[in-house]
Amino acid sequence: MTIREMTPQDLAQVLVLWQQAEGVGLSEADSPDRLTRFLEHNPGLSFVAINGNQLVGAVLGGHDGRRGYIHHLAVAANERRR
């Protein structure tokens, strides 16, 4: 498994993962365009987990200048507790 920084090219797969995950509430702010801008403004704070060629985890992190936030976090059901 590889963990690396999330890129805009990952967003289609990331959104599918988040949509399938229980408890992840998505909104208008989670469109690919807005997420791309979010990644540009918060470099080095969002990551994906890749197993083989499949995206199996994603975390979207950001900050407001004082505090850090985890906005969305999900791991594919078949990859949990490993």
Protein backbone atom coordinates (compact mmCIF):
# COMPACT_ATOMS: atom_id res chain seq x y z
CA MET A 1 0.00 0.00 0.00
CA THR A 2 1.19 3.48 -0.87
CA ILE A 3 0.14 6.71 0.82
CA ARG A 4 0.73 9.90 -1.13
CA GLU A 5 -0.52 13.45 -1.42
CA MET A 6 -3.93 13.82 -3.07
CA THR A 7 -3.95 15.47 -6.50
CA PRO A 8 -6.80 16.85 -8.61
CA GLN A 9 -6.45 13.76 -10.83
CA ASP A 10 -7.56 11.62 -7.85
CA LEU A 11 -10.81 13.48 -7.24
CA ALA A 12 -13.14 11.34 -9.37
CA GLN A 13 -12.11 8.20 -7.46
CA VAL A 14 -12.04 10.04 -4.12
CA LEU A 15 -15.61 11.28 -4.61
CA VAL A 16 -16.81 7.74 -5.37
CA LEU A 17 -15.14 6.47 -2.20
CA TRP A 18 -16.67 9.26 -0.08
CA GLN A 19 -20.13 8.68 -1.60
CA GLN A 20 -19.93 4.98 -0.69
CA ALA A 21 -18.72 5.62 2.87
CA GLU A 22 -21.22 5.81 5.71
CA GLY A 23 -21.15 9.08 7.61
CA VAL A 24 -19.42 11.20 4.98
CA GLY A 25 -21.76 14.07 4.14
CA LEU A 26 -20.95 15.78 0.86
CA SER A 27 -22.17 19.22 -0.20
CA GLU A 28 -21.82 21.73 -3.04
CA ALA A 29 -18.37 22.52 -1.65
CA ASP A 30 -17.27 19.03 -2.68
CA SER A 31 -17.45 19.57 -6.44
CA PRO A 32 -14.27 18.70 -8.36
CA ASP A 33 -13.60 22.38 -9.16
CA ARG A 34 -13.96 23.52 -5.57
CA LEU A 35 -11.94 20.59 -4.25
CA THR A 36 -9.16 21.40 -6.72
CA ARG A 37 -9.03 24.96 -5.37
CA PHE A 38 -9.09 23.61 -1.82
CA LEU A 39 -6.09 21.36 -2.55
CA GLU A 40 -4.21 24.32 -4.07
CA HIS A 41 -4.83 26.43 -0.94
CA ASN A 42 -3.96 23.60 1.48
CA PRO A 43 -0.90 21.84 -0.01
CA GLY A 44 0.48 18.82 1.80
CA LEU A 45 -2.59 18.25 3.97
CA SER A 46 -4.70 15.76 1.96
CA PHE A 47 -3.69 12.19 1.17
CA VAL A 48 -4.83 9.04 -0.62
CA ALA A 49 -4.05 5.39 0.01
CA ILE A 50 -3.44 3.22 -3.06
CA ASN A 51 -3.42 -0.58 -2.99
CA GLY A 52 -2.18 -1.93 -6.31
CA ASN A 53 -3.93 0.38 -8.76
CA GLN A 54 -7.01 0.99 -6.61
CA LEU A 55 -7.66 4.05 -4.45
CA VAL A 56 -8.75 2.63 -1.08
CA GLY A 57 -8.53 5.59 1.29
CA ALA A 58 -8.65 9.36 1.31
CA VAL A 59 -8.37 12.16 3.84
CA LEU A 60 -9.07 15.83 3.10
CA GLY A 61 -7.25 18.14 5.48
CA GLY A 62 -7.06 21.90 5.70
CA HIS A 63 -6.34 24.81 8.03
CA ASP A 64 -7.58 28.30 8.75
CA GLY A 65 -4.21 29.73 9.78
CA ARG A 66 -4.59 28.73 13.43
CA ARG A 67 -6.22 25.30 13.48
CA GLY A 68 -6.03 22.19 11.37
CA TYR A 69 -9.12 20.31 10.25
CA ILE A 70 -9.98 16.90 8.85
CA HIS A 71 -12.94 17.52 6.57
CA HIS A 72 -13.49 14.04 5.10
CA LEU A 73 -11.89 10.68 5.88
CA ALA A 74 -12.81 7.30 4.41
CA VAL A 75 -11.30 3.86 3.88
CA ALA A 76 -12.83 1.27 1.55
CA ALA A 77 -14.77 -1.30 3.58
CA ASN A 78 -12.67 -4.23 2.33
CA GLU A 79 -9.44 -2.48 3.40
CA ARG A 80 -10.36 -1.60 6.98
CA ARG A 81 -8.62 -3.13 10.02
CA ARG A 82 -5.64 -4.35 8.00
